[in-house]
Protein backbone atom coordinates (compact mmCIF):
# COMPACT_ATOMS: atom_id res chain seq x y z
CA MET A 1 57.62 -33.64 -40.63
CA ALA A 2 59.85 -30.76 -39.69
CA ASP A 3 60.15 -29.64 -36.08
CA ASP A 4 59.57 -25.97 -36.68
CA ASP A 5 57.08 -23.73 -34.87
CA ASN A 6 54.44 -24.26 -37.52
CA GLY A 7 54.60 -28.04 -37.07
CA ARG A 8 54.28 -27.80 -33.32
CA VAL A 9 51.25 -25.51 -33.59
CA THR A 10 49.68 -27.86 -36.07
CA MET A 11 50.23 -30.84 -33.74
CA ALA A 12 48.73 -28.86 -30.84
CA VAL A 13 45.69 -27.94 -32.93
CA LEU A 14 45.28 -31.56 -34.05
CA GLY A 15 45.59 -32.75 -30.43
CA GLU A 16 42.93 -30.30 -29.35
CA LYS A 17 40.61 -31.40 -32.14
CA LEU A 18 41.18 -35.05 -31.24
CA ASP A 19 40.37 -34.34 -27.59
CA ASN A 20 37.19 -32.52 -28.68
CA LEU A 21 36.23 -35.47 -30.91
CA ASP A 22 36.95 -37.89 -28.05
CA GLY A 23 34.64 -35.91 -25.77
CA LYS A 24 31.86 -35.96 -28.37
CA VAL A 25 32.19 -39.70 -28.93
CA THR A 26 32.18 -40.34 -25.18
CA ALA A 27 29.06 -38.18 -24.77
CA ALA A 28 27.34 -40.00 -27.63
CA LEU A 29 28.15 -43.38 -26.06
CA GLU A 30 26.74 -42.24 -22.70
CA ASP A 31 23.57 -41.04 -24.41
CA ALA A 32 23.24 -44.38 -26.18
CA LYS A 33 23.62 -46.22 -22.85
CA LYS A 34 20.94 -44.05 -21.25
CA GLU A 35 18.59 -44.65 -24.17
CA ARG A 36 19.15 -48.38 -23.99
CA THR A 37 18.40 -48.35 -20.27
CA GLU A 38 15.22 -46.36 -20.88
CA ARG A 39 14.10 -48.83 -23.55
CA GLU A 40 14.76 -51.77 -21.19
CA ASN A 41 12.68 -50.01 -18.50
CA ILE A 42 9.86 -49.43 -20.97
CA GLY A 43 10.00 -53.10 -21.99
CA THR A 44 9.72 -54.12 -18.36
CA ARG A 45 6.74 -51.82 -17.85
CA VAL A 46 5.01 -53.20 -20.97
CA THR A 47 5.52 -56.74 -19.70
CA ARG A 48 4.00 -55.85 -16.32
CA LEU A 49 1.02 -54.20 -18.00
CA GLU A 50 0.47 -57.27 -20.18
CA GLU A 51 0.50 -59.46 -17.08
CA ARG A 52 -2.02 -57.19 -15.34
CA MET A 53 -4.26 -57.18 -18.42
CA GLY A 54 -4.19 -60.98 -18.42
CA ILE A 55 -5.22 -61.11 -14.78
CA TRP A 56 -8.03 -58.61 -15.33
CA SER A 57 -9.34 -60.54 -18.35
CA VAL A 58 -9.47 -63.75 -16.25
CA LEU A 59 -11.29 -61.89 -13.46
CA GLN A 60 -13.70 -60.39 -15.97
CA ALA A 61 -14.43 -63.80 -17.46
CA ALA A 62 -15.05 -65.29 -14.01
CA TYR A 63 -17.35 -62.37 -13.11
CA SER A 64 -19.28 -62.74 -16.36
CA THR A 65 -19.68 -66.45 -15.78
CA MET A 66 -20.96 -65.94 -12.24
CA VAL A 67 -23.41 -63.25 -13.32
CA GLY A 68 -24.60 -65.47 -16.16
CA ALA A 69 -25.08 -68.41 -13.80
CA ILE A 70 -27.03 -66.26 -11.35
CA ALA A 71 -29.18 -64.90 -14.16
CA ALA A 72 -29.83 -68.42 -15.46
CA PHE A 73 -30.74 -69.63 -11.99
CA LEU A 74 -33.15 -66.75 -11.42
CA GLY A 75 -34.63 -67.18 -14.90
CA ALA A 76 -35.18 -70.91 -14.32
CA ARG A 77 -37.03 -70.24 -11.06
CA GLN A 78 -39.74 -68.15 -12.72
């Protein structure tokens, strides 16, 4: 490549475009990291909700069993 003014301008333009491209790639990587973090947070929240639902289903089963036992006891007395 010749070292004339046209070559230097072209190299400067290419350098500017590469810097712009580097900025875009860096921004895209940061967005991807944020999205991954958000997905991990959502996964954690889903896990917590599933645990809570399990606890509530056990409590509901115990409540139903107690109410059924009381109803059977009262029904047997009459």
